[in-house]
PDB file of N, CA and C in Angstrom:
ATOM      1  N   MET A   1       0.824  -1.191   0.000  1.00  0.00           N
ATOM      2  CA  MET A   1       0.000   0.000   0.000  1.00  0.00           C
ATOM      3  C   MET A   1       0.870   1.259   0.000  1.00  0.00           C
ATOM      4  N   ASN A   2       2.060   1.145   0.627  1.00  0.00           N
ATOM      5  CA  ASN A   2       2.966   2.300   0.638  1.00  0.00           C
ATOM      6  C   ASN A   2       3.389   2.671  -0.782  1.00  0.00           C
ATOM      7  N   ASN A   3       3.646   1.658  -1.619  1.00  0.00           N
ATOM      8  CA  ASN A   3       4.019   1.927  -3.011  1.00  0.00           C
ATOM      9  C   ASN A   3       2.881   2.621  -3.750  1.00  0.00           C
ATOM     10  N   TYR A   4       1.680   2.160  -3.504  1.00  0.00           N
ATOM     11  CA  TYR A   4       0.502   2.774  -4.131  1.00  0.00           C
ATOM     12  C   TYR A   4       0.400   4.239  -3.731  1.00  0.00           C
ATOM     13  N   ASP A   5       0.464   4.509  -2.431  1.00  0.00           N
ATOM     14  CA  ASP A   5       0.362   5.891  -1.941  1.00  0.00           C
ATOM     15  C   ASP A   5       1.473   6.776  -2.511  1.00  0.00           C
ATOM     16  N   TYR A   6       2.684   6.247  -2.496  1.00  0.00           N
ATOM     17  CA  TYR A   6       3.823   7.014  -3.004  1.00  0.00           C
ATOM     18  C   TYR A   6       3.655   7.328  -4.490  1.00  0.00           C
ATOM     19  N   ASN A   7       3.376   6.304  -5.311  1.00  0.00           N
ATOM     20  CA  ASN A   7       3.255   6.512  -6.759  1.00  0.00           C
ATOM     21  C   ASN A   7       2.057   7.380  -7.118  1.00  0.00           C
ATOM     22  N   LYS A   8       0.987   7.264  -6.366  1.00  0.00           N
ATOM     23  CA  LYS A   8      -0.170   8.122  -6.604  1.00  0.00           C
ATOM     24  C   LYS A   8       0.188   9.584  -6.341  1.00  0.00           C
ATOM     25  N   SER A   9       0.895   9.827  -5.255  1.00  0.00           N
ATOM     26  CA  SER A   9       1.270  11.218  -4.947  1.00  0.00           C
ATOM     27  C   SER A   9       2.212  11.774  -6.009  1.00  0.00           C
ATOM     28  N   ILE A  10       3.135  10.964  -6.500  1.00  0.00           N
ATOM     29  CA  ILE A  10       4.059  11.409  -7.554  1.00  0.00           C
ATOM     30  C   ILE A  10       3.284  11.755  -8.824  1.00  0.00           C
ATOM     31  N   MET A  11       2.349  10.898  -9.208  1.00  0.00           N
ATOM     32  CA  MET A  11       1.572  11.166 -10.424  1.00  0.00           C
ATOM     33  C   MET A  11       0.680  12.393 -10.262  1.00  0.00           C
ATOM     34  N   LEU A  12       0.116  12.579  -9.081  1.00  0.00           N
ATOM     35  CA  LEU A  12      -0.707  13.767  -8.842  1.00  0.00           C
ATOM     36  C   LEU A  12       0.130  15.048  -8.896  1.00  0.00           C
ATOM     37  N   ILE A  13       1.285  15.019  -8.264  1.00  0.00           N
ATOM     38  CA  ILE A  13       2.164  16.198  -8.260  1.00  0.00           C
ATOM     39  C   ILE A  13       2.609  16.550  -9.677  1.00  0.00           C
ATOM     40  N   ASN A  14       2.904  15.512 -10.482  1.00  0.00           N
ATOM     41  CA  ASN A  14       3.380  15.734 -11.854  1.00  0.00           C
ATOM     42  C   ASN A  14       2.251  15.857 -12.877  1.00  0.00           C
ATOM     43  N   SER A  15       1.016  15.846 -12.417  1.00  0.00           N
ATOM     44  CA  SER A  15      -0.169  15.948 -13.287  1.00  0.00           C
ATOM     45  C   SER A  15      -0.187  14.875 -14.381  1.00  0.00           C
ATOM     46  N   VAL A  16       0.214  13.673 -14.023  1.00  0.00           N
ATOM     47  CA  VAL A  16       0.183  12.538 -14.955  1.00  0.00           C
ATOM     48  C   VAL A  16      -1.214  11.914 -14.883  1.00  0.00           C
ATOM     49  N   PRO A  17      -1.919  11.798 -16.019  1.00  0.00           N
ATOM     50  CA  PRO A  17      -3.240  11.181 -15.984  1.00  0.00           C
ATOM     51  C   PRO A  17      -3.145   9.679 -15.704  1.00  0.00           C
ATOM     52  N   PHE A  18      -4.050   9.169 -14.877  1.00  0.00           N
ATOM     53  CA  PHE A  18      -4.074   7.746 -14.554  1.00  0.00           C
ATOM     54  C   PHE A  18      -5.475   7.348 -14.110  1.00  0.00           C
ATOM     55  N   LEU A  19      -5.739   6.064 -14.156  1.00  0.00           N
ATOM     56  CA  LEU A  19      -6.989   5.511 -13.648  1.00  0.00           C
ATOM     57  C   LEU A  19      -6.696   4.919 -12.278  1.00  0.00           C
ATOM     58  N   ASP A  20      -7.502   5.242 -11.301  1.00  0.00           N
ATOM     59  CA  ASP A  20      -7.258   4.821  -9.927  1.00  0.00           C
ATOM     60  C   ASP A  20      -8.283   3.773  -9.498  1.00  0.00           C
ATOM     61  N   PHE A  21      -7.789   2.607  -9.079  1.00  0.00           N
ATOM     62  CA  PHE A  21      -8.672   1.540  -8.604  1.00  0.00           C
ATOM     63  C   PHE A  21      -8.473   1.274  -7.121  1.00  0.00           C
ATOM     64  N   GLU A  22      -7.837   2.208  -6.425  1.00  0.00           N
ATOM     65  CA  GLU A  22      -7.622   2.219  -4.976  1.00  0.00           C
ATOM     66  C   GLU A  22      -6.671   1.146  -4.458  1.00  0.00           C
ATOM     67  N   THR A  23      -6.211   0.240  -5.316  1.00  0.00           N
ATOM     68  CA  THR A  23      -5.149  -0.696  -4.949  1.00  0.00           C
ATOM     69  C   THR A  23      -4.101  -0.764  -6.055  1.00  0.00           C
ATOM     70  N   ILE A  24      -4.485  -0.361  -7.244  1.00  0.00           N
ATOM     71  CA  ILE A  24      -3.591  -0.316  -8.388  1.00  0.00           C
ATOM     72  C   ILE A  24      -4.003   0.850  -9.277  1.00  0.00           C
ATOM     73  N   MET A  25      -3.026   1.426  -9.959  1.00  0.00           N
ATOM     74  CA  MET A  25      -3.308   2.519 -10.882  1.00  0.00           C
ATOM     75  C   MET A  25      -2.918   2.085 -12.288  1.00  0.00           C
ATOM     76  N   LEU A  26      -3.705   2.507 -13.273  1.00  0.00           N
ATOM     77  CA  LEU A  26      -3.404   2.236 -14.671  1.00  0.00           C
ATOM     78  C   LEU A  26      -2.961   3.527 -15.326  1.00  0.00           C
ATOM     79  N   LYS A  27      -1.832   3.435 -16.041  1.00  0.00           N
ATOM     80  CA  LYS A  27      -1.272   4.611 -16.693  1.00  0.00           C
ATOM     81  C   LYS A  27      -1.007   4.276 -18.157  1.00  0.00           C
ATOM     82  N   GLU A  28      -1.467   5.131 -19.065  1.00  0.00           N
ATOM     83  CA  GLU A  28      -1.203   4.910 -20.482  1.00  0.00           C
ATOM     84  C   GLU A  28       0.274   5.201 -20.744  1.00  0.00           C
ATOM     85  N   ASP A  29       1.015   4.147 -21.033  1.00  0.00           N
ATOM     86  CA  ASP A  29       2.463   4.252 -21.218  1.00  0.00           C
ATOM     87  C   ASP A  29       2.917   2.977 -21.922  1.00  0.00           C
ATOM     88  N   ASN A  30       3.728   3.103 -22.966  1.00  0.00           N
ATOM     89  CA  ASN A  30       4.131   1.917 -23.710  1.00  0.00           C
ATOM     90  C   ASN A  30       5.429   1.292 -23.203  1.00  0.00           C
ATOM     91  N   SER A  31       5.973   1.775 -22.099  1.00  0.00           N
ATOM     92  CA  SER A  31       7.201   1.180 -21.567  1.00  0.00           C
ATOM     93  C   SER A  31       6.881  -0.144 -20.860  1.00  0.00           C
ATOM     94  N   PHE A  32       7.864  -1.038 -20.840  1.00  0.00           N
ATOM     95  CA  PHE A  32       7.663  -2.363 -20.247  1.00  0.00           C
ATOM     96  C   PHE A  32       7.670  -2.332 -18.724  1.00  0.00           C
ATOM     97  N   SER A  33       8.521  -1.530 -18.157  1.00  0.00           N
ATOM     98  CA  SER A  33       8.598  -1.518 -16.699  1.00  0.00           C
ATOM     99  C   SER A  33       7.711  -0.411 -16.126  1.00  0.00           C
ATOM    100  N   SER A  34       7.151  -0.719 -14.984  1.00  0.00           N
ATOM    101  CA  SER A  34       6.320   0.252 -14.281  1.00  0.00           C
ATOM    102  C   SER A  34       6.596   0.116 -12.782  1.00  0.00           C
ATOM    103  N   PRO A  35       6.360   1.161 -12.021  1.00  0.00           N
ATOM    104  CA  PRO A  35       6.560   1.058 -10.574  1.00  0.00           C
ATOM    105  C   PRO A  35       5.572   0.056  -9.964  1.00  0.00           C
ATOM    106  N   ILE A  36       5.927  -0.461  -8.809  1.00  0.00           N
ATOM    107  CA  ILE A  36       5.010  -1.341  -8.080  1.00  0.00           C
ATOM    108  C   ILE A  36       3.742  -0.558  -7.805  1.00  0.00           C
ATOM    109  N   SER A  37       2.598  -1.156  -8.055  1.00  0.00           N
ATOM    110  CA  SER A  37       1.258  -0.589  -7.882  1.00  0.00           C
ATOM    111  C   SER A  37       0.754   0.135  -9.123  1.00  0.00           C
ATOM    112  N   VAL A  38       1.557   0.169 -10.193  1.00  0.00           N
ATOM    113  CA  VAL A  38       1.151   0.828 -11.435  1.00  0.00           C
ATOM    114  C   VAL A  38       1.219  -0.185 -12.574  1.00  0.00           C
ATOM    115  N   LEU A  39       0.184  -0.201 -13.390  1.00  0.00           N
ATOM    116  CA  LEU A  39       0.134  -1.070 -14.561  1.00  0.00           C
ATOM    117  C   LEU A  39       0.060  -0.194 -15.796  1.00  0.00           C
ATOM    118  N   ASN A  40       1.047  -0.339 -16.685  1.00  0.00           N
ATOM    119  CA  ASN A  40       1.047   0.428 -17.928  1.00  0.00           C
ATOM    120  C   ASN A  40       0.163  -0.263 -18.955  1.00  0.00           C
ATOM    121  N   TYR A  41      -0.480   0.537 -19.798  1.00  0.00           N
ATOM    122  CA  TYR A  41      -1.281  -0.009 -20.894  1.00  0.00           C
ATOM    123  C   TYR A  41      -1.108   0.860 -22.124  1.00  0.00           C
ATOM    124  N   GLU A  42      -1.512   0.301 -23.264  1.00  0.00           N
ATOM    125  CA  GLU A  42      -1.361   1.004 -24.534  1.00  0.00           C
ATOM    126  C   GLU A  42      -2.551   0.649 -25.417  1.00  0.00           C
ATOM    127  N   TYR A  43      -3.032   1.611 -26.180  1.00  0.00           N
ATOM    128  CA  TYR A  43      -4.132   1.396 -27.120  1.00  0.00           C
ATOM    129  C   TYR A  43      -3.592   1.066 -28.503  1.00  0.00           C
ATOM    130  N   TYR A  44      -4.298   0.195 -29.216  1.00  0.00           N
ATOM    131  CA  TYR A  44      -4.000  -0.123 -30.611  1.00  0.00           C
ATOM    132  C   TYR A  44      -5.289  -0.035 -31.407  1.00  0.00           C
ATOM    133  N   ASN A  45      -5.208   0.449 -32.642  1.00  0.00           N
ATOM    134  CA  ASN A  45      -6.370   0.510 -33.522  1.00  0.00           C
ATOM    135  C   ASN A  45      -6.605  -0.799 -34.257  1.00  0.00           C
ATOM    136  N   ASP A  46      -5.567  -1.618 -34.344  1.00  0.00           N
ATOM    137  CA  ASP A  46      -5.651  -2.846 -35.124  1.00  0.00           C
ATOM    138  C   ASP A  46      -4.846  -3.934 -34.414  1.00  0.00           C
ATOM    139  N   ILE A  47      -5.408  -5.128 -34.296  1.00  0.00           N
ATOM    140  CA  ILE A  47      -4.717  -6.230 -33.618  1.00  0.00           C
ATOM    141  C   ILE A  47      -3.416  -6.583 -34.324  1.00  0.00           C
ATOM    142  N   SER A  48      -3.366  -6.418 -35.640  1.00  0.00           N
ATOM    143  CA  SER A  48      -2.128  -6.744 -36.364  1.00  0.00           C
ATOM    144  C   SER A  48      -0.986  -5.815 -35.942  1.00  0.00           C
ATOM    145  N   ASN A  49      -1.290  -4.550 -35.638  1.00  0.00           N
ATOM    146  CA  ASN A  49      -0.264  -3.620 -35.145  1.00  0.00           C
ATOM    147  C   ASN A  49       0.250  -4.060 -33.771  1.00  0.00           C
ATOM    148  N   ALA A  50      -0.659  -4.500 -32.923  1.00  0.00           N
ATOM    149  CA  ALA A  50      -0.275  -4.970 -31.591  1.00  0.00           C
ATOM    150  C   ALA A  50       0.595  -6.219 -31.705  1.00  0.00           C
ATOM    151  N   LEU A  51       0.200  -7.162 -32.562  1.00  0.00           N
ATOM    152  CA  LEU A  51       0.973  -8.389 -32.731  1.00  0.00           C
ATOM    153  C   LEU A  51       2.346  -8.107 -33.331  1.00  0.00           C
ATOM    154  N   GLU A  52       2.428  -7.132 -34.212  1.00  0.00           N
ATOM    155  CA  GLU A  52       3.709  -6.749 -34.789  1.00  0.00           C
ATOM    156  C   GLU A  52       4.635  -6.187 -33.707  1.00  0.00           C
ATOM    157  N   ASP A  53       4.098  -5.318 -32.851  1.00  0.00           N
ATOM    158  CA  ASP A  53       4.893  -4.785 -31.737  1.00  0.00           C
ATOM    159  C   ASP A  53       5.347  -5.902 -30.803  1.00  0.00           C
ATOM    160  N   ILE A  54       4.456  -6.832 -30.523  1.00  0.00           N
ATOM    161  CA  ILE A  54       4.790  -7.960 -29.648  1.00  0.00           C
ATOM    162  C   ILE A  54       5.910  -8.791 -30.264  1.00  0.00           C
ATOM    163  N   ASN A  55       5.808  -9.082 -31.548  1.00  0.00           N
ATOM    164  CA  ASN A  55       6.853  -9.869 -32.215  1.00  0.00           C
ATOM    165  C   ASN A  55       8.179  -9.116 -32.253  1.00  0.00           C
ATOM    166  N   ASN A  56       8.135  -7.815 -32.439  1.00  0.00           N
ATOM    167  CA  ASN A  56       9.362  -7.016 -32.464  1.00  0.00           C
ATOM    168  C   ASN A  56      10.043  -6.950 -31.098  1.00  0.00           C
ATOM    169  N   GLN A  57       9.265  -7.106 -30.047  1.00  0.00           N
ATOM    170  CA  GLN A  57       9.796  -7.024 -28.678  1.00  0.00           C
ATOM    171  C   GLN A  57       9.855  -8.394 -28.002  1.00  0.00           C
ATOM    172  N   ARG A  58       9.855  -9.452 -28.769  1.00  0.00           N
ATOM    173  CA  ARG A  58       9.756 -10.822 -28.252  1.00  0.00           C
ATOM    174  C   ARG A  58      10.747 -11.118 -27.126  1.00  0.00           C
ATOM    175  N   GLU A  59      11.954 -10.606 -27.226  1.00  0.00           N
ATOM    176  CA  GLU A  59      12.982 -10.877 -26.211  1.00  0.00           C
ATOM    177  C   GLU A  59      12.648 -10.269 -24.849  1.00  0.00           C
ATOM    178  N   LYS A  60      11.770  -9.295 -24.831  1.00  0.00           N
ATOM    179  CA  LYS A  60      11.413  -8.607 -23.586  1.00  0.00           C
ATOM    180  C   LYS A  60      10.092  -9.104 -23.000  1.00  0.00           C
ATOM    181  N   ILE A  61       9.377  -9.964 -23.736  1.00  0.00           N
ATOM    182  CA  ILE A  61       8.047 -10.398 -23.325  1.00  0.00           C
ATOM    183  C   ILE A  61       8.081 -11.880 -22.951  1.00  0.00           C
ATOM    184  N   GLN A  62       7.597 -12.194 -21.762  1.00  0.00           N
ATOM    185  CA  GLN A  62       7.610 -13.573 -21.295  1.00  0.00           C
ATOM    186  C   GLN A  62       6.450 -14.369 -21.878  1.00  0.00           C
ATOM    187  N   CYS A  63       5.267 -13.767 -21.938  1.00  0.00           N
ATOM    188  CA  CYS A  63       4.120 -14.454 -22.515  1.00  0.00           C
ATOM    189  C   CYS A  63       3.082 -13.426 -22.967  1.00  0.00           C
ATOM    190  N   LEU A  64       2.196 -13.886 -23.822  1.00  0.00           N
ATOM    191  CA  LEU A  64       1.076 -13.079 -24.297  1.00  0.00           C
ATOM    192  C   LEU A  64      -0.176 -13.699 -23.712  1.00  0.00           C
ATOM    193  N   VAL A  65      -0.949 -12.939 -22.968  1.00  0.00           N
ATOM    194  CA  VAL A  65      -2.175 -13.435 -22.357  1.00  0.00           C
ATOM    195  C   VAL A  65      -3.338 -12.983 -23.218  1.00  0.00           C
ATOM    196  N   ALA A  66      -4.092 -13.943 -23.743  1.00  0.00           N
ATOM    197  CA  ALA A  66      -5.187 -13.604 -24.648  1.00  0.00           C
ATOM    198  C   ALA A  66      -6.202 -14.733 -24.701  1.00  0.00           C
ATOM    199  N   LYS A  67      -7.409 -14.393 -25.125  1.00  0.00           N
ATOM    200  CA  LYS A  67      -8.484 -15.377 -25.298  1.00  0.00           C
ATOM    201  C   LYS A  67      -8.177 -16.293 -26.484  1.00  0.00           C
ATOM    202  N   GLU A  68      -7.679 -15.692 -27.566  1.00  0.00           N
ATOM    203  CA  GLU A  68      -7.332 -16.449 -28.772  1.00  0.00           C
ATOM    204  C   GLU A  68      -5.842 -16.769 -28.771  1.00  0.00           C
ATOM    205  N   LYS A  69      -5.456 -17.847 -29.440  1.00  0.00           N
ATOM    206  CA  LYS A  69      -4.040 -18.217 -29.531  1.00  0.00           C
ATOM    207  C   LYS A  69      -3.428 -17.511 -30.738  1.00  0.00           C
ATOM    208  N   TYR A  70      -2.575 -16.502 -30.478  1.00  0.00           N
ATOM    209  CA  TYR A  70      -1.963 -15.721 -31.544  1.00  0.00           C
ATOM    210  C   TYR A  70      -0.585 -16.248 -31.935  1.00  0.00           C
ATOM    211  N   ASN A  71       0.121 -16.852 -30.985  1.00  0.00           N
ATOM    212  CA  ASN A  71       1.438 -17.420 -31.260  1.00  0.00           C
ATOM    213  C   ASN A  71       1.721 -18.515 -30.237  1.00  0.00           C
ATOM    214  N   GLU A  72       2.900 -19.107 -30.318  1.00  0.00           N
ATOM    215  CA  GLU A  72       3.235 -20.218 -29.419  1.00  0.00           C
ATOM    216  C   GLU A  72       3.391 -19.779 -27.966  1.00  0.00           C
ATOM    217  N   TYR A  73       3.509 -18.485 -27.717  1.00  0.00           N
ATOM    218  CA  TYR A  73       3.685 -17.964 -26.363  1.00  0.00           C
ATOM    219  C   TYR A  73       2.383 -17.454 -25.755  1.00  0.00           C
ATOM    220  N   THR A  74       1.268 -17.671 -26.429  1.00  0.00           N
ATOM    221  CA  THR A  74      -0.021 -17.218 -25.917  1.00  0.00           C
ATOM    222  C   THR A  74      -0.463 -18.121 -24.765  1.00  0.00           C
ATOM    223  N   VAL A  75      -0.887 -17.494 -23.675  1.00  0.00           N
ATOM    224  CA  VAL A  75      -1.361 -18.193 -22.485  1.00  0.00           C
ATOM    225  C   VAL A  75      -2.787 -17.729 -22.221  1.00  0.00           C
ATOM    226  N   PRO A  76      -3.716 -18.663 -21.923  1.00  0.00           N
ATOM    227  CA  PRO A  76      -5.090 -18.243 -21.632  1.00  0.00           C
ATOM    228  C   PRO A  76      -5.181 -17.440 -20.328  1.00  0.00           C
ATOM    229  N   PHE A  77      -6.193 -16.589 -20.239  1.00  0.00           N
ATOM    230  CA  PHE A  77      -6.436 -15.835 -19.009  1.00  0.00           C
ATOM    231  C   PHE A  77      -6.555 -16.803 -17.831  1.00  0.00           C
ATOM    232  N   GLY A  78      -5.963 -16.437 -16.709  1.00  0.00           N
ATOM    233  CA  GLY A  78      -6.030 -17.249 -15.502  1.00  0.00           C
ATOM    234  C   GLY A  78      -5.001 -18.361 -15.436  1.00  0.00           C
ATOM    235  N   LYS A  79      -4.169 -18.519 -16.454  1.00  0.00           N
ATOM    236  CA  LYS A  79      -3.194 -19.620 -16.485  1.00  0.00           C
ATOM    237  C   LYS A  79      -1.747 -19.161 -16.415  1.00  0.00           C
ATOM    238  N   THR A  80      -1.500 -17.862 -16.278  1.00  0.00           N
ATOM    239  CA  THR A  80      -0.116 -17.373 -16.295  1.00  0.00           C
ATOM    240  C   THR A  80       0.696 -17.862 -15.101  1.00  0.00           C
ATOM    241  N   GLN A  81       0.055 -18.133 -13.990  1.00  0.00           N
ATOM    242  CA  GLN A  81       0.765 -18.612 -12.803  1.00  0.00           C
ATOM    243  C   GLN A  81       0.590 -20.111 -12.597  1.00  0.00           C
ATOM    244  N   GLU A  82       0.154 -20.807 -13.645  1.00  0.00           N
ATOM    245  CA  GLU A  82      -0.011 -22.260 -13.590  1.00  0.00           C
ATOM    246  C   GLU A  82       0.721 -22.899 -14.776  1.00  0.00           C
ATOM    247  N   PRO A  83       2.065 -22.837 -14.789  1.00  0.00           N
ATOM    248  CA  PRO A  83       2.794 -23.380 -15.933  1.00  0.00           C
ATOM    249  C   PRO A  83       2.683 -24.903 -16.011  1.00  0.00           C
ATOM    250  N   GLU A  84       2.792 -25.413 -17.218  1.00  0.00           N
ATOM    251  CA  GLU A  84       2.815 -26.856 -17.440  1.00  0.00           C
ATOM    252  C   GLU A  84       4.250 -27.346 -17.250  1.00  0.00           C
ATOM    253  N   LEU A  85       4.456 -28.645 -17.174  1.00  0.00           N
ATOM    254  CA  LEU A  85       5.800 -29.189 -16.995  1.00  0.00           C
ATOM    255  C   LEU A  85       6.733 -28.818 -18.142  1.00  0.00           C
ATOM    256  N   TRP A  86       6.198 -28.625 -19.325  1.00  0.00           N
ATOM    257  CA  TRP A  86       7.010 -28.312 -20.505  1.00  0.00           C
ATOM    258  C   TRP A  86       7.154 -26.804 -20.748  1.00  0.00           C
ATOM    259  N   ASP A  87       6.625 -25.988 -19.848  1.00  0.00           N
ATOM    260  CA  ASP A  87       6.799 -24.535 -19.935  1.00  0.00           C
ATOM    261  C   ASP A  87       8.067 -24.151 -19.173  1.00  0.00           C
ATOM    262  N   TYR A  88       8.989 -23.506 -19.866  1.00  0.00           N
ATOM    263  CA  TYR A  88      10.257 -23.126 -19.260  1.00  0.00           C
ATOM    264  C   TYR A  88      10.377 -21.613 -19.191  1.00  0.00           C
ATOM    265  N   ALA A  89      10.951 -21.130 -18.085  1.00  0.00           N
ATOM    266  CA  ALA A  89      11.166 -19.695 -17.935  1.00  0.00           C
ATOM    267  C   ALA A  89      12.046 -19.204 -19.075  1.00  0.00           C
ATOM    268  N   ASP A  90      11.561 -18.220 -19.796  1.00  0.00           N
ATOM    269  CA  ASP A  90      12.281 -17.638 -20.936  1.00  0.00           C
ATOM    270  C   ASP A  90      12.632 -18.670 -21.994  1.00  0.00           C
ATOM    271  N   GLY A  91      11.881 -19.778 -22.045  1.00  0.00           N
ATOM    272  CA  GLY A  91      12.089 -20.793 -23.072  1.00  0.00           C
ATOM    273  C   GLY A  91      13.329 -21.651 -22.867  1.00  0.00           C
ATOM    274  N   VAL A  92      13.935 -21.625 -21.679  1.00  0.00           N
ATOM    275  CA  VAL A  92      15.161 -22.380 -21.424  1.00  0.00           C
ATOM    276  C   VAL A  92      14.862 -23.566 -20.517  1.00  0.00           C
ATOM    277  N   ASP A  93      15.146 -24.779 -21.015  1.00  0.00           N
ATOM    278  CA  ASP A  93      15.035 -26.001 -20.220  1.00  0.00           C
ATOM    279  C   ASP A  93      16.262 -26.052 -19.324  1.00  0.00           C
ATOM    280  N   THR A  94      16.105 -25.706 -18.063  1.00  0.00           N
ATOM    281  CA  THR A  94      17.236 -25.582 -17.140  1.00  0.00           C
ATOM    282  C   THR A  94      18.006 -26.887 -16.999  1.00  0.00           C
ATOM    283  N   MET A  95      17.304 -28.009 -16.874  1.00  0.00           N
ATOM    284  CA  MET A  95      17.980 -29.295 -16.698  1.00  0.00           C
ATOM    285  C   MET A  95      18.803 -29.642 -17.946  1.00  0.00           C
ATOM    286  N   LYS A  96      18.244 -29.402 -19.112  1.00  0.00           N
ATOM    287  CA  LYS A  96      18.966 -29.653 -20.365  1.00  0.00           C
ATOM    288  C   LYS A  96      20.201 -28.757 -20.443  1.00  0.00           C
ATOM    289  N   PHE A  97      20.045 -27.505 -20.053  1.00  0.00           N
ATOM    290  CA  PHE A  97      21.148 -26.561 -20.052  1.00  0.00           C
ATOM    291  C   PHE A  97      22.239 -27.026 -19.108  1.00  0.00           C
ATOM    292  N   LEU A  98      21.865 -27.477 -17.913  1.00  0.00           N
ATOM    293  CA  LEU A  98      22.859 -27.919 -16.924  1.00  0.00           C
ATOM    294  C   LEU A  98      23.583 -29.176 -17.360  1.00  0.00           C
ATOM    295  N   MET A  99      22.912 -30.028 -18.124  1.00  0.00           N
ATOM    296  CA  MET A  99      23.545 -31.256 -18.611  1.00  0.00           C
ATOM    297  C   MET A  99      24.619 -30.964 -19.658  1.00  0.00           C
ATOM    298  N   ILE A 100      24.508 -29.837 -20.327  1.00  0.00           N
ATOM    299  CA  ILE A 100      25.481 -29.450 -21.349  1.00  0.00           C
ATOM    300  C   ILE A 100      26.784 -29.012 -20.683  1.00  0.00           C
ATOM    301  N   ILE A 101      26.665 -28.394 -19.532  1.00  0.00           N
ATOM    302  CA  ILE A 101      27.844 -27.825 -18.847  1.00  0.00           C
ATOM    303  C   ILE A 101      28.756 -28.889 -18.343  1.00  0.00           C
TER     304      ILE A 101
END
């Protein structure tokens, strides 16, 4: 809650527009990192533009959460914290990697 209060006061002082949900704030910003308690979002006019941006930034994106399967990294809503045995962090099979060393 301290992070929320702090970031809210910073955004208010700097006149940054945001949506306030009293536990998290949404800010229109296309950067990947955001402060704790802030979620960045971005608008797209066309899904193909969004998918192009996602593909261009693939190295920075862990997964795509969506209703439809757009690529091999698409994860259904509610499943991002329930990986399967064959899901590897950043696509690296740690045991296979360690066996190479």
